[in-house]
Amino acid sequence: MTTFVRNSWYAAAWVDEVGDAMVARRILGEPLVLFRSADEGIVALLDQCPHRLLPLSMGVVAEGRIQCGYHGIEFNGAGRCVRVPGQDMIPPTAKVRTFPVVERFGLVWVWMGDEEAADPALLPVVERYGAPGWALLDGGYQHHASNYRNIIENLMDPAHTTFVHKGTIGNPAATDEPVKVGKLDGGLVAYRWVENSPPSPFDRLVMEVTGSVDRGQFFYYYLPGTSCVDIISIPAGTEREDEVMDAKGMRAFSYKFLTPEDERNTHFFWLHLRNYRLEDEEWAAGLRANLDKTFLEDAVIVKAIQDEQDRTGLHQRTALAIDRAPVMALAMLDKMVREEGAAVAAE
């Protein structure tokens, strides 16, 4: 049984990726091709010519139409065949499936399910995006050789950061701090505060702080594949209202958008918002490299887990208290998959 939710928006590419050429990307097991059409903007088509099934991405984009690389058959942004070289009659079956597309947050989002249910209001919300006083790093992409369920578990597990990310975001001071879990509308959050602790070298670089700090880690998960990590460092005892923490502390929102390629691979898109060093391009370049390194450290872990799951047929052999948030996240996902499957079966 598939683990995918189809009635959802999935990040398919960064808008800047889709230039004059095409982007071929497999999503939920379906081959898609994205290109800029003459009249539809960026569109997503099934990457398959209806004639001999050659991937359309092996062709070219000509005058805003996609031309099959086998016989030159051309399709417009609506998936309709507009030209067949050597004949005037266009067969009614010469058409390609299209997928709803929306551009937001610099990303191309594709709806993989029922077209009539493709509501842009269901797109993820990105806090502080475009707001004054916040700097953006975007364009992040990695390919992770693991089922997206393993990545969700990883992202909802604050306890692993100390051990996996020793040289990047690991914080030994948080090792024994318990993780609390709360349910949200359409997701959940795992969080903890490490209170009254010495400022880290990173804190000192960014904040004007002489005493201790309170550090907050909030790991949000929104169905079916959006993660946001809200990292806060404020002078100890500071009021914990959003406006106060934004003004007096160091804060960053790290978003990951998980798009299953298939049951064994995941497209991992990321963007990052911060309220510090807003105009420092050198700092931003170093931060981007550090984030990429951090996410690649996770990619190594989830691939090794996937390999062992494939070899043994098991998910895990024992459970720990730190599994609470990951277990809850996957239970919510499974419920969403079941409900969607039941609705389709009832039609």
Protein backbone atom coordinates (compact mmCIF):
# COMPACT_ATOMS: atom_id res chain seq x y z
CA MET A 1 0.00 0.00 0.00
CA THR A 2 1.29 3.46 -0.86
CA THR A 3 2.21 5.83 1.94
CA PHE A 4 1.48 8.91 -0.14
CA VAL A 5 -1.15 11.60 0.26
CA ARG A 6 -2.11 12.72 -3.24
CA ASN A 7 -4.49 15.56 -2.44
CA SER A 8 -1.76 17.93 -1.37
CA TRP A 9 0.63 20.54 -2.76
CA TYR A 10 4.20 19.33 -3.21
CA ALA A 11 7.29 21.40 -3.97
CA ALA A 12 8.43 20.35 -7.43
CA ALA A 13 11.18 22.86 -8.27
CA TRP A 14 12.46 26.32 -7.53
CA VAL A 15 10.94 28.85 -9.91
CA ASP A 16 14.44 29.86 -11.04
CA GLU A 17 15.13 26.26 -12.11
CA VAL A 18 12.43 26.43 -14.76
CA GLY A 19 14.01 28.71 -17.34
CA ASP A 20 14.05 28.21 -21.09
CA ALA A 21 14.62 24.48 -20.70
CA MET A 22 12.68 21.79 -18.84
CA VAL A 23 12.87 20.22 -15.40
CA ALA A 24 12.12 16.51 -15.19
CA ARG A 25 11.17 15.29 -11.73
CA ARG A 26 9.48 12.14 -10.47
CA ILE A 27 6.90 12.89 -7.76
CA LEU A 28 4.89 10.25 -5.87
CA GLY A 29 6.16 7.77 -8.44
CA GLU A 30 4.82 9.82 -11.36
CA PRO A 31 7.22 11.27 -13.97
CA LEU A 32 6.57 15.00 -14.44
CA VAL A 33 8.08 17.60 -16.72
CA LEU A 34 7.91 21.32 -15.90
CA PHE A 35 8.40 24.09 -18.45
CA ARG A 36 7.36 27.63 -19.26
CA SER A 37 4.56 27.55 -21.80
CA ALA A 38 3.66 30.36 -24.18
CA ASP A 39 0.40 31.25 -22.44
CA GLU A 40 0.09 29.26 -19.21
CA GLY A 41 3.25 30.26 -17.32
CA ILE A 42 5.02 27.36 -15.61
CA VAL A 43 3.11 24.13 -16.21
CA ALA A 44 3.51 20.50 -15.16
CA LEU A 45 2.74 17.67 -17.56
CA LEU A 46 3.07 13.93 -17.32
CA ASP A 47 6.53 13.27 -18.71
CA GLN A 48 5.30 10.86 -21.35
CA CYS A 49 4.42 11.34 -25.00
CA PRO A 50 1.08 9.61 -25.71
CA HIS A 51 2.48 8.19 -28.96
CA ARG A 52 5.30 5.85 -27.94
CA LEU A 53 5.65 6.93 -24.29
CA LEU A 54 9.06 8.56 -24.73
CA PRO A 55 9.69 11.03 -21.88
CA LEU A 56 8.84 14.49 -23.17
CA SER A 57 11.80 15.82 -21.19
CA MET A 58 14.03 14.18 -23.81
CA GLY A 59 12.72 16.72 -26.31
CA VAL A 60 12.95 20.51 -26.40
CA VAL A 61 10.86 23.57 -25.62
CA ALA A 62 10.06 25.46 -28.83
CA GLU A 63 8.12 28.74 -28.77
CA GLY A 64 6.52 27.90 -25.46
CA ARG A 65 5.50 24.40 -26.52
CA ILE A 66 7.11 21.10 -25.66
CA GLN A 67 8.30 19.08 -28.62
CA CYS A 68 8.74 15.32 -28.34
CA GLY A 69 12.27 14.24 -29.19
CA TYR A 70 11.11 11.17 -31.16
CA HIS A 71 8.79 12.49 -33.90
CA GLY A 72 8.52 16.22 -33.14
CA ILE A 73 4.92 16.12 -31.92
CA GLU A 74 4.20 19.37 -30.06
CA PHE A 75 2.03 20.00 -26.99
CA ASN A 76 0.95 23.26 -25.41
CA GLY A 77 0.76 24.14 -21.72
CA ALA A 78 -2.71 22.61 -21.46
CA GLY A 79 -1.36 19.25 -22.64
CA ARG A 80 -3.12 19.46 -26.02
CA CYS A 81 -1.33 18.36 -29.16
CA VAL A 82 -1.02 21.34 -31.52
CA ARG A 83 1.14 19.85 -34.26
CA VAL A 84 1.99 16.47 -35.72
CA PRO A 85 4.71 16.75 -38.39
CA GLY A 86 3.62 15.18 -41.67
CA GLN A 87 -0.14 15.14 -41.05
CA ASP A 88 -2.91 17.66 -40.59
CA MET A 89 -5.30 15.52 -38.53
CA ILE A 90 -4.56 15.51 -34.81
CA PRO A 91 -5.86 12.39 -33.04
CA PRO A 92 -8.20 13.15 -30.11
CA THR A 93 -6.07 10.87 -27.94
CA ALA A 94 -2.96 12.99 -28.58
CA LYS A 95 -3.03 14.75 -25.22
CA VAL A 96 -0.98 14.73 -22.05
CA ARG A 97 -2.18 14.82 -18.46
CA THR A 98 -1.60 18.14 -16.71
CA PHE A 99 -1.21 18.85 -13.00
CA PRO A 100 -2.33 22.03 -11.18
CA VAL A 101 0.57 24.38 -10.46
CA VAL A 102 1.01 27.38 -8.14
CA GLU A 103 4.10 29.56 -7.67
CA ARG A 104 4.70 30.72 -4.10
CA PHE A 105 7.70 31.30 -1.82
CA GLY A 106 9.95 31.05 -4.88
CA LEU A 107 8.83 27.43 -5.42
CA VAL A 108 6.72 25.67 -8.01
CA TRP A 109 4.05 23.64 -6.21
CA VAL A 110 2.26 20.77 -7.92
CA TRP A 111 -1.04 19.15 -6.88
CA MET A 112 -0.89 15.40 -7.46
CA GLY A 113 -4.49 14.42 -6.70
CA ASP A 114 -8.03 15.43 -7.63
CA GLU A 115 -7.74 18.61 -9.71
CA GLU A 116 -11.03 19.99 -8.37
CA ALA A 117 -9.61 19.87 -4.83
CA ALA A 118 -6.49 21.90 -5.72
CA ASP A 119 -7.05 24.90 -3.46
CA PRO A 120 -4.10 27.35 -3.14
CA ALA A 121 -5.32 28.11 0.40
CA LEU A 122 -3.98 24.65 1.34
CA LEU A 123 -0.38 25.63 0.55
CA PRO A 124 2.03 25.65 3.51
CA VAL A 125 2.40 28.88 5.48
CA VAL A 126 5.95 30.27 5.76
CA GLU A 127 6.28 32.52 8.79
CA ARG A 128 8.08 35.88 8.31
CA TYR A 129 8.46 35.33 4.55
CA GLY A 130 8.85 38.76 2.95
CA ALA A 131 8.54 40.56 6.31
CA PRO A 132 10.81 43.53 7.13
CA GLY A 133 13.74 42.65 9.35
CA TRP A 134 14.12 39.10 8.02
CA ALA A 135 16.74 37.79 5.60
CA LEU A 136 15.99 34.88 3.29
CA LEU A 137 18.14 32.02 2.10
CA ASP A 138 16.34 29.92 -0.49
CA GLY A 139 17.05 27.68 -3.47
CA GLY A 140 18.07 24.80 -1.19
CA TYR A 141 17.69 21.31 -2.66
CA GLN A 142 19.04 17.86 -1.85
CA HIS A 143 18.09 14.36 -2.94
CA HIS A 144 17.75 11.99 0.02
CA ALA A 145 17.85 8.24 -0.61
CA SER A 146 15.14 7.37 1.90
CA ASN A 147 11.38 7.17 2.27
CA TYR A 148 10.06 10.52 3.45
CA ARG A 149 8.66 8.86 6.58
CA ASN A 150 12.20 8.31 7.87
CA ILE A 151 12.97 11.97 7.19
CA ILE A 152 9.85 13.07 9.08
CA GLU A 153 10.98 10.99 12.06
CA ASN A 154 14.41 12.59 11.88
CA LEU A 155 13.03 16.12 11.68
CA MET A 156 10.73 15.54 14.67
CA ASP A 157 13.56 14.19 16.84
CA PRO A 158 15.47 17.00 18.62
CA ALA A 159 17.45 14.41 20.59
CA HIS A 160 19.57 13.37 17.60
CA THR A 161 21.12 16.80 17.00
CA THR A 162 23.74 16.51 19.74
CA PHE A 163 25.14 13.30 18.28
CA VAL A 164 24.64 13.61 14.51
CA HIS A 165 25.48 17.30 14.17
CA LYS A 166 28.49 17.67 16.48
CA GLY A 167 30.20 20.15 14.18
CA THR A 168 27.13 22.12 13.14
CA ILE A 169 24.00 22.58 15.29
CA GLY A 170 24.65 20.05 18.08
CA ASN A 171 24.25 21.38 21.63
CA PRO A 172 25.46 19.06 24.42
CA ALA A 173 23.74 21.29 27.01
CA ALA A 174 20.37 20.11 25.69
CA THR A 175 21.12 16.39 25.87
CA ASP A 176 19.12 15.69 29.04
CA GLU A 177 16.37 18.25 28.54
CA PRO A 178 13.01 16.48 28.07
CA VAL A 179 11.12 17.09 24.84
CA LYS A 180 7.48 18.14 25.11
CA VAL A 181 4.94 17.42 22.38
CA GLY A 182 1.80 19.31 21.45
CA LYS A 183 -0.83 18.77 18.77
CA LEU A 184 -1.63 21.45 16.22
CA ASP A 185 -4.30 21.90 13.60
CA GLY A 186 -2.94 19.69 10.83
CA GLY A 187 0.28 18.79 12.60
CA LEU A 188 2.22 18.79 15.85
CA VAL A 189 5.21 20.36 17.57
CA ALA A 190 8.06 18.90 19.62
CA TYR A 191 9.82 21.52 21.70
CA ARG A 192 12.05 22.33 24.64
CA TRP A 193 13.68 25.28 26.34
CA VAL A 194 17.21 25.14 27.70
CA GLU A 195 17.09 27.87 30.29
CA ASN A 196 19.70 30.07 31.91
CA SER A 197 22.64 28.59 30.02
CA PRO A 198 25.91 30.25 29.00
CA PRO A 199 25.78 32.00 25.63
CA SER A 200 27.43 29.99 22.88
CA PRO A 201 30.15 31.46 20.65
CA PHE A 202 27.45 31.77 17.99
CA ASP A 203 25.21 33.71 20.39
CA ARG A 204 28.04 36.14 21.15
CA LEU A 205 28.68 36.74 17.47
CA VAL A 206 25.10 37.82 16.86
CA MET A 207 23.64 39.12 20.12
CA GLU A 208 24.71 41.78 22.56
CA VAL A 209 24.52 39.55 25.60
CA THR A 210 26.66 39.50 28.74
CA GLY A 211 24.73 37.07 30.94
CA SER A 212 22.97 33.77 30.43
CA VAL A 213 20.49 32.96 27.68
CA ASP A 214 17.34 30.91 27.23
CA ARG A 215 17.32 28.74 24.11
CA GLY A 216 14.15 27.44 22.53
CA GLN A 217 13.88 24.67 19.96
CA PHE A 218 10.51 24.15 18.30
CA PHE A 219 10.20 21.36 15.73
CA TYR A 220 6.95 21.73 13.78
CA TYR A 221 5.46 19.15 11.43
CA TYR A 222 2.54 19.88 9.12
CA LEU A 223 0.85 17.16 7.10
CA PRO A 224 1.89 15.63 4.87
CA GLY A 225 5.48 16.84 4.34
CA THR A 226 6.36 20.27 5.74
CA SER A 227 8.83 20.81 8.59
CA CYS A 228 9.73 24.05 10.31
CA VAL A 229 12.38 24.38 13.02
CA ASP A 230 12.10 27.60 15.03
CA ILE A 231 15.36 28.28 16.89
CA ILE A 232 15.36 31.06 19.49
CA SER A 233 18.12 32.47 21.70
CA ILE A 234 17.15 35.31 24.05
CA PRO A 235 18.66 36.87 27.19
CA ALA A 236 17.63 34.75 30.16
CA GLY A 237 14.28 35.78 31.59
CA THR A 238 13.10 37.63 28.47
CA GLU A 239 9.36 37.59 27.87
CA ARG A 240 8.44 34.88 25.37
CA GLU A 241 6.00 36.76 23.20
CA ASP A 242 6.78 36.57 19.46
CA GLU A 243 7.22 40.31 19.05
CA VAL A 244 9.60 40.51 22.03
CA MET A 245 11.68 37.50 20.99
CA ASP A 246 11.93 38.81 17.41
CA ALA A 247 13.15 42.19 18.67
CA LYS A 248 15.47 41.17 21.52
CA GLY A 249 16.76 37.76 20.51
CA MET A 250 18.33 35.75 17.74
CA ARG A 251 15.74 33.77 15.83
CA ALA A 252 15.61 31.64 12.70
CA PHE A 253 12.95 29.62 10.91
CA SER A 254 14.29 26.68 8.92
CA TYR A 255 11.75 25.18 6.52
CA LYS A 256 11.99 21.84 4.74
CA PHE A 257 9.49 20.69 2.15
CA LEU A 258 9.53 16.93 1.61
CA THR A 259 8.35 15.68 -1.77
CA PRO A 260 8.41 11.89 -2.16
CA GLU A 261 10.04 10.81 -5.40
CA ASP A 262 8.97 7.24 -4.77
CA GLU A 263 8.87 4.81 -1.85
CA ARG A 264 12.67 4.92 -1.46
CA ASN A 265 13.68 8.49 -2.35
CA THR A 266 12.73 12.05 -1.41
CA HIS A 267 13.20 15.52 -2.86
CA PHE A 268 14.34 17.75 0.01
CA PHE A 269 13.75 21.47 -0.57
CA TRP A 270 14.74 24.01 2.06
CA LEU A 271 14.63 27.72 2.83
CA HIS A 272 15.81 29.64 5.87
CA LEU A 273 14.74 32.95 7.44
CA ARG A 274 16.77 34.81 10.07
CA ASN A 275 16.56 38.12 11.97
CA TYR A 276 20.31 38.69 12.30
CA ARG A 277 23.19 39.76 10.03
CA LEU A 278 20.65 40.83 7.45
CA GLU A 279 23.06 42.53 5.03
CA ASP A 280 26.11 40.34 5.57
CA GLU A 281 26.52 38.38 2.31
CA GLU A 282 29.68 36.63 3.49
CA TRP A 283 27.87 35.45 6.62
CA ALA A 284 24.92 34.29 4.49
CA ALA A 285 27.23 32.25 2.25
CA GLY A 286 28.79 30.57 5.27
CA LEU A 287 25.36 29.91 6.78
CA ARG A 288 24.15 28.32 3.53
CA ALA A 289 27.17 26.01 3.47
CA ASN A 290 26.60 25.10 7.12
CA LEU A 291 22.93 24.31 6.54
CA ASP A 292 23.72 22.19 3.50
CA LYS A 293 26.29 20.29 5.55
CA THR A 294 23.79 19.76 8.38
CA PHE A 295 21.10 18.40 6.05
CA LEU A 296 23.62 16.13 4.32
CA GLU A 297 24.56 14.71 7.72
CA ASP A 298 20.90 13.76 8.12
CA ALA A 299 20.83 12.34 4.58
CA VAL A 300 23.61 9.90 5.47
CA ILE A 301 21.68 8.73 8.55
CA VAL A 302 18.30 8.23 6.85
CA LYS A 303 19.88 6.40 3.89
CA ALA A 304 21.61 3.96 6.23
CA ILE A 305 18.31 3.43 8.06
CA GLN A 306 16.47 2.88 4.77
CA ASP A 307 19.07 0.36 3.64
CA GLU A 308 18.66 -1.68 6.84
CA GLN A 309 14.87 -1.45 6.71
CA ASP A 310 14.98 -2.79 3.15
CA ARG A 311 17.37 -5.58 4.14
CA THR A 312 15.48 -6.70 7.26
CA GLY A 313 11.88 -5.78 6.49
CA LEU A 314 11.72 -4.11 9.93
CA HIS A 315 11.12 -0.52 10.98
CA GLN A 316 12.89 -0.76 14.36
CA ARG A 317 13.46 -3.32 17.08
CA THR A 318 12.77 -1.25 20.18
CA ALA A 319 11.17 2.04 21.20
CA LEU A 320 12.39 4.94 23.37
CA ALA A 321 10.68 7.83 25.10
CA ILE A 322 12.18 10.21 22.51
CA ASP A 323 10.08 8.43 19.85
CA ARG A 324 6.87 10.08 21.01
CA ALA A 325 6.81 12.96 18.53
CA PRO A 326 7.95 10.87 15.51
CA VAL A 327 5.38 8.17 16.31
CA MET A 328 2.62 10.75 16.61
CA ALA A 329 3.65 12.38 13.33
CA LEU A 330 3.56 9.11 11.40
CA ALA A 331 0.25 8.13 13.01
CA MET A 332 -1.26 11.40 11.79
CA LEU A 333 0.17 10.79 8.33
CA ASP A 334 -1.17 7.22 8.22
CA LYS A 335 -4.62 8.47 9.23
CA MET A 336 -4.56 11.02 6.41
CA VAL A 337 -3.55 8.34 3.89
CA ARG A 338 -6.31 6.00 5.09
CA GLU A 339 -8.97 8.69 4.98
CA GLU A 340 -7.99 9.71 1.47
CA GLY A 341 -8.00 6.09 0.34
CA ALA A 342 -11.44 5.50 1.87
CA ALA A 343 -12.82 8.59 0.15
CA VAL A 344 -11.51 7.43 -3.23
CA ALA A 345 -12.92 3.93 -2.71
CA ALA A 346 -16.33 5.38 -1.86
CA GLU A 347 -16.58 7.34 -5.12
